[in-house]
Amino acid sequence: MANTKAISDRTERKKVKRTARKKATPKPKRTTPRGSAKKKVRKLTRGASKR
């Protein structure tokens, strides 16, 4: 993405960012599913009390 720190005008900055986004190469398709690195929640055993 283009560096837009120097541009103070909001609409101008949006315009520059949008053109940069259009020029950028498209991202490749995901090889792993989203959230695969997230910690998995362990299921509690049936009938067992938490305390």
PDB file of N, CA and C in Angstrom:
ATOM      1  N   MET A   1       0.850  -1.178   0.000  1.00  0.00           N
ATOM      2  CA  MET A   1       0.000   0.000   0.000  1.00  0.00           C
ATOM      3  C   MET A   1       0.896   1.240   0.000  1.00  0.00           C
ATOM      4  N   ALA A   2       0.400   2.280  -0.614  1.00  0.00           N
ATOM      5  CA  ALA A   2       1.154   3.522  -0.722  1.00  0.00           C
ATOM      6  C   ALA A   2       1.285   4.178   0.644  1.00  0.00           C
ATOM      7  N   ASN A   3       2.413   4.842   0.874  1.00  0.00           N
ATOM      8  CA  ASN A   3       2.634   5.546   2.128  1.00  0.00           C
ATOM      9  C   ASN A   3       1.907   6.887   2.051  1.00  0.00           C
ATOM     10  N   THR A   4       0.864   7.062   2.856  1.00  0.00           N
ATOM     11  CA  THR A   4       0.033   8.263   2.782  1.00  0.00           C
ATOM     12  C   THR A   4       0.166   9.132   4.022  1.00  0.00           C
ATOM     13  N   LYS A   5       1.270   8.968   4.770  1.00  0.00           N
ATOM     14  CA  LYS A   5       1.443   9.749   5.998  1.00  0.00           C
ATOM     15  C   LYS A   5       1.573  11.240   5.708  1.00  0.00           C
ATOM     16  N   ALA A   6       2.185  11.584   4.586  1.00  0.00           N
ATOM     17  CA  ALA A   6       2.449  12.991   4.272  1.00  0.00           C
ATOM     18  C   ALA A   6       1.187  13.719   3.820  1.00  0.00           C
ATOM     19  N   ILE A   7       0.173  12.981   3.328  1.00  0.00           N
ATOM     20  CA  ILE A   7      -1.054  13.608   2.827  1.00  0.00           C
ATOM     21  C   ILE A   7      -2.000  13.864   3.999  1.00  0.00           C
ATOM     22  N   SER A   8      -2.364  15.141   4.182  1.00  0.00           N
ATOM     23  CA  SER A   8      -3.227  15.475   5.308  1.00  0.00           C
ATOM     24  C   SER A   8      -4.702  15.495   4.912  1.00  0.00           C
ATOM     25  N   ASP A   9      -4.996  15.753   3.627  1.00  0.00           N
ATOM     26  CA  ASP A   9      -6.379  15.799   3.163  1.00  0.00           C
ATOM     27  C   ASP A   9      -6.963  14.386   3.099  1.00  0.00           C
ATOM     28  N   ARG A  10      -8.067  14.192   3.775  1.00  0.00           N
ATOM     29  CA  ARG A  10      -8.644  12.846   3.908  1.00  0.00           C
ATOM     30  C   ARG A  10      -9.086  12.265   2.572  1.00  0.00           C
ATOM     31  N   THR A  11      -9.802  13.045   1.767  1.00  0.00           N
ATOM     32  CA  THR A  11     -10.317  12.531   0.498  1.00  0.00           C
ATOM     33  C   THR A  11      -9.177  12.216  -0.471  1.00  0.00           C
ATOM     34  N   GLU A  12      -8.143  13.054  -0.442  1.00  0.00           N
ATOM     35  CA  GLU A  12      -6.971  12.814  -1.297  1.00  0.00           C
ATOM     36  C   GLU A  12      -6.259  11.531  -0.887  1.00  0.00           C
ATOM     37  N   ARG A  13      -6.135  11.341   0.423  1.00  0.00           N
ATOM     38  CA  ARG A  13      -5.477  10.135   0.949  1.00  0.00           C
ATOM     39  C   ARG A  13      -6.253   8.882   0.550  1.00  0.00           C
ATOM     40  N   LYS A  14      -7.588   8.953   0.630  1.00  0.00           N
ATOM     41  CA  LYS A  14      -8.430   7.817   0.242  1.00  0.00           C
ATOM     42  C   LYS A  14      -8.252   7.495  -1.230  1.00  0.00           C
ATOM     43  N   LYS A  15      -8.165   8.550  -2.050  1.00  0.00           N
ATOM     44  CA  LYS A  15      -8.006   8.368  -3.492  1.00  0.00           C
ATOM     45  C   LYS A  15      -6.698   7.655  -3.809  1.00  0.00           C
ATOM     46  N   VAL A  16      -5.616   8.082  -3.133  1.00  0.00           N
ATOM     47  CA  VAL A  16      -4.290   7.483  -3.360  1.00  0.00           C
ATOM     48  C   VAL A  16      -4.293   6.016  -2.928  1.00  0.00           C
ATOM     49  N   LYS A  17      -4.895   5.753  -1.777  1.00  0.00           N
ATOM     50  CA  LYS A  17      -4.952   4.376  -1.270  1.00  0.00           C
ATOM     51  C   LYS A  17      -5.747   3.473  -2.197  1.00  0.00           C
ATOM     52  N   ARG A  18      -6.878   3.983  -2.706  1.00  0.00           N
ATOM     53  CA  ARG A  18      -7.729   3.186  -3.571  1.00  0.00           C
ATOM     54  C   ARG A  18      -7.023   2.810  -4.863  1.00  0.00           C
ATOM     55  N   THR A  19      -6.290   3.781  -5.456  1.00  0.00           N
ATOM     56  CA  THR A  19      -5.565   3.480  -6.697  1.00  0.00           C
ATOM     57  C   THR A  19      -4.438   2.484  -6.429  1.00  0.00           C
ATOM     58  N   ALA A  20      -3.787   2.597  -5.268  1.00  0.00           N
ATOM     59  CA  ALA A  20      -2.718   1.666  -4.921  1.00  0.00           C
ATOM     60  C   ALA A  20      -3.268   0.259  -4.741  1.00  0.00           C
ATOM     61  N   ARG A  21      -4.478   0.176  -4.157  1.00  0.00           N
ATOM     62  CA  ARG A  21      -5.101  -1.123  -3.940  1.00  0.00           C
ATOM     63  C   ARG A  21      -5.467  -1.780  -5.261  1.00  0.00           C
ATOM     64  N   LYS A  22      -5.896  -0.970  -6.216  1.00  0.00           N
ATOM     65  CA  LYS A  22      -6.267  -1.514  -7.520  1.00  0.00           C
ATOM     66  C   LYS A  22      -5.049  -2.017  -8.279  1.00  0.00           C
ATOM     67  N   LYS A  23      -3.901  -1.337  -8.112  1.00  0.00           N
ATOM     68  CA  LYS A  23      -2.677  -1.724  -8.814  1.00  0.00           C
ATOM     69  C   LYS A  23      -2.011  -2.953  -8.204  1.00  0.00           C
ATOM     70  N   ALA A  24      -2.241  -3.185  -6.916  1.00  0.00           N
ATOM     71  CA  ALA A  24      -1.580  -4.291  -6.215  1.00  0.00           C
ATOM     72  C   ALA A  24      -2.000  -5.633  -6.802  1.00  0.00           C
ATOM     73  N   THR A  25      -1.066  -6.583  -6.764  1.00  0.00           N
ATOM     74  CA  THR A  25      -1.363  -7.926  -7.272  1.00  0.00           C
ATOM     75  C   THR A  25      -2.341  -8.611  -6.318  1.00  0.00           C
ATOM     76  N   PRO A  26      -3.281  -9.391  -6.839  1.00  0.00           N
ATOM     77  CA  PRO A  26      -4.250 -10.045  -5.963  1.00  0.00           C
ATOM     78  C   PRO A  26      -3.586 -11.072  -5.051  1.00  0.00           C
ATOM     79  N   LYS A  27      -4.118 -11.181  -3.846  1.00  0.00           N
ATOM     80  CA  LYS A  27      -3.555 -12.122  -2.877  1.00  0.00           C
ATOM     81  C   LYS A  27      -3.836 -13.554  -3.318  1.00  0.00           C
ATOM     82  N   PRO A  28      -2.903 -14.470  -3.044  1.00  0.00           N
ATOM     83  CA  PRO A  28      -3.149 -15.870  -3.426  1.00  0.00           C
ATOM     84  C   PRO A  28      -4.213 -16.508  -2.551  1.00  0.00           C
ATOM     85  N   LYS A  29      -4.795 -17.596  -3.050  1.00  0.00           N
ATOM     86  CA  LYS A  29      -5.806 -18.308  -2.277  1.00  0.00           C
ATOM     87  C   LYS A  29      -5.142 -18.922  -1.048  1.00  0.00           C
ATOM     88  N   ARG A  30      -5.909 -19.033   0.019  1.00  0.00           N
ATOM     89  CA  ARG A  30      -5.383 -19.583   1.278  1.00  0.00           C
ATOM     90  C   ARG A  30      -5.049 -21.067   1.117  1.00  0.00           C
ATOM     91  N   THR A  31      -3.911 -21.450   1.702  1.00  0.00           N
ATOM     92  CA  THR A  31      -3.535 -22.862   1.678  1.00  0.00           C
ATOM     93  C   THR A  31      -4.041 -23.567   2.931  1.00  0.00           C
ATOM     94  N   THR A  32      -4.128 -22.829   4.045  1.00  0.00           N
ATOM     95  CA  THR A  32      -4.653 -23.386   5.291  1.00  0.00           C
ATOM     96  C   THR A  32      -5.944 -22.666   5.627  1.00  0.00           C
ATOM     97  N   PRO A  33      -6.861 -23.330   6.305  1.00  0.00           N
ATOM     98  CA  PRO A  33      -8.109 -22.655   6.662  1.00  0.00           C
ATOM     99  C   PRO A  33      -7.883 -21.514   7.638  1.00  0.00           C
ATOM    100  N   ARG A  34      -8.752 -20.499   7.568  1.00  0.00           N
ATOM    101  CA  ARG A  34      -8.640 -19.366   8.474  1.00  0.00           C
ATOM    102  C   ARG A  34      -8.846 -19.833   9.906  1.00  0.00           C
ATOM    103  N   GLY A  35      -8.051 -19.288  10.820  1.00  0.00           N
ATOM    104  CA  GLY A  35      -8.205 -19.621  12.233  1.00  0.00           C
ATOM    105  C   GLY A  35      -7.662 -20.974  12.604  1.00  0.00           C
ATOM    106  N   SER A  36      -6.840 -21.576  11.740  1.00  0.00           N
ATOM    107  CA  SER A  36      -6.318 -22.908  12.048  1.00  0.00           C
ATOM    108  C   SER A  36      -5.265 -22.867  13.158  1.00  0.00           C
ATOM    109  N   ALA A  37      -4.655 -21.691  13.375  1.00  0.00           N
ATOM    110  CA  ALA A  37      -3.640 -21.569  14.424  1.00  0.00           C
ATOM    111  C   ALA A  37      -4.244 -21.195  15.772  1.00  0.00           C
ATOM    112  N   LYS A  38      -5.559 -20.975  15.808  1.00  0.00           N
ATOM    113  CA  LYS A  38      -6.219 -20.593  17.056  1.00  0.00           C
ATOM    114  C   LYS A  38      -6.191 -21.751  18.041  1.00  0.00           C
ATOM    115  N   LYS A  39      -6.163 -21.411  19.327  1.00  0.00           N
ATOM    116  CA  LYS A  39      -6.207 -22.442  20.349  1.00  0.00           C
ATOM    117  C   LYS A  39      -7.605 -23.037  20.375  1.00  0.00           C
ATOM    118  N   LYS A  40      -7.694 -24.339  20.361  1.00  0.00           N
ATOM    119  CA  LYS A  40      -8.979 -25.015  20.346  1.00  0.00           C
ATOM    120  C   LYS A  40      -9.532 -25.107  21.769  1.00  0.00           C
ATOM    121  N   VAL A  41     -10.836 -24.972  21.909  1.00  0.00           N
ATOM    122  CA  VAL A  41     -11.486 -25.042  23.215  1.00  0.00           C
ATOM    123  C   VAL A  41     -11.804 -26.501  23.517  1.00  0.00           C
ATOM    124  N   ARG A  42     -11.347 -26.967  24.678  1.00  0.00           N
ATOM    125  CA  ARG A  42     -11.618 -28.349  25.058  1.00  0.00           C
ATOM    126  C   ARG A  42     -13.038 -28.436  25.600  1.00  0.00           C
ATOM    127  N   LYS A  43     -13.758 -29.469  25.176  1.00  0.00           N
ATOM    128  CA  LYS A  43     -15.124 -29.657  25.658  1.00  0.00           C
ATOM    129  C   LYS A  43     -15.087 -30.275  27.048  1.00  0.00           C
ATOM    130  N   LEU A  44     -15.982 -29.817  27.906  1.00  0.00           N
ATOM    131  CA  LEU A  44     -16.083 -30.401  29.241  1.00  0.00           C
ATOM    132  C   LEU A  44     -16.767 -31.752  29.138  1.00  0.00           C
ATOM    133  N   THR A  45     -16.397 -32.663  30.011  1.00  0.00           N
ATOM    134  CA  THR A  45     -17.030 -33.974  30.008  1.00  0.00           C
ATOM    135  C   THR A  45     -18.459 -33.853  30.519  1.00  0.00           C
ATOM    136  N   ARG A  46     -19.316 -34.694  30.020  1.00  0.00           N
ATOM    137  CA  ARG A  46     -20.725 -34.600  30.371  1.00  0.00           C
ATOM    138  C   ARG A  46     -20.944 -34.895  31.844  1.00  0.00           C
ATOM    139  N   GLY A  47     -21.753 -34.050  32.491  1.00  0.00           N
ATOM    140  CA  GLY A  47     -22.129 -34.287  33.875  1.00  0.00           C
ATOM    141  C   GLY A  47     -21.119 -33.831  34.909  1.00  0.00           C
ATOM    142  N   ALA A  48     -19.913 -33.517  34.478  1.00  0.00           N
ATOM    143  CA  ALA A  48     -18.904 -33.093  35.436  1.00  0.00           C
ATOM    144  C   ALA A  48     -19.133 -31.630  35.811  1.00  0.00           C
ATOM    145  N   SER A  49     -19.065 -31.340  37.096  1.00  0.00           N
ATOM    146  CA  SER A  49     -19.236 -29.970  37.578  1.00  0.00           C
ATOM    147  C   SER A  49     -17.924 -29.220  37.398  1.00  0.00           C
ATOM    148  N   LYS A  50     -18.033 -27.930  37.160  1.00  0.00           N
ATOM    149  CA  LYS A  50     -16.814 -27.122  36.989  1.00  0.00           C
ATOM    150  C   LYS A  50     -16.071 -26.957  38.306  1.00  0.00           C
ATOM    151  N   ARG A  51     -16.808 -26.931  39.425  1.00  0.00           N
ATOM    152  CA  ARG A  51     -16.166 -26.701  40.719  1.00  0.00           C
ATOM    153  C   ARG A  51     -16.246 -27.953  41.588  1.00  0.00           C
TER     154      ARG A  51
END
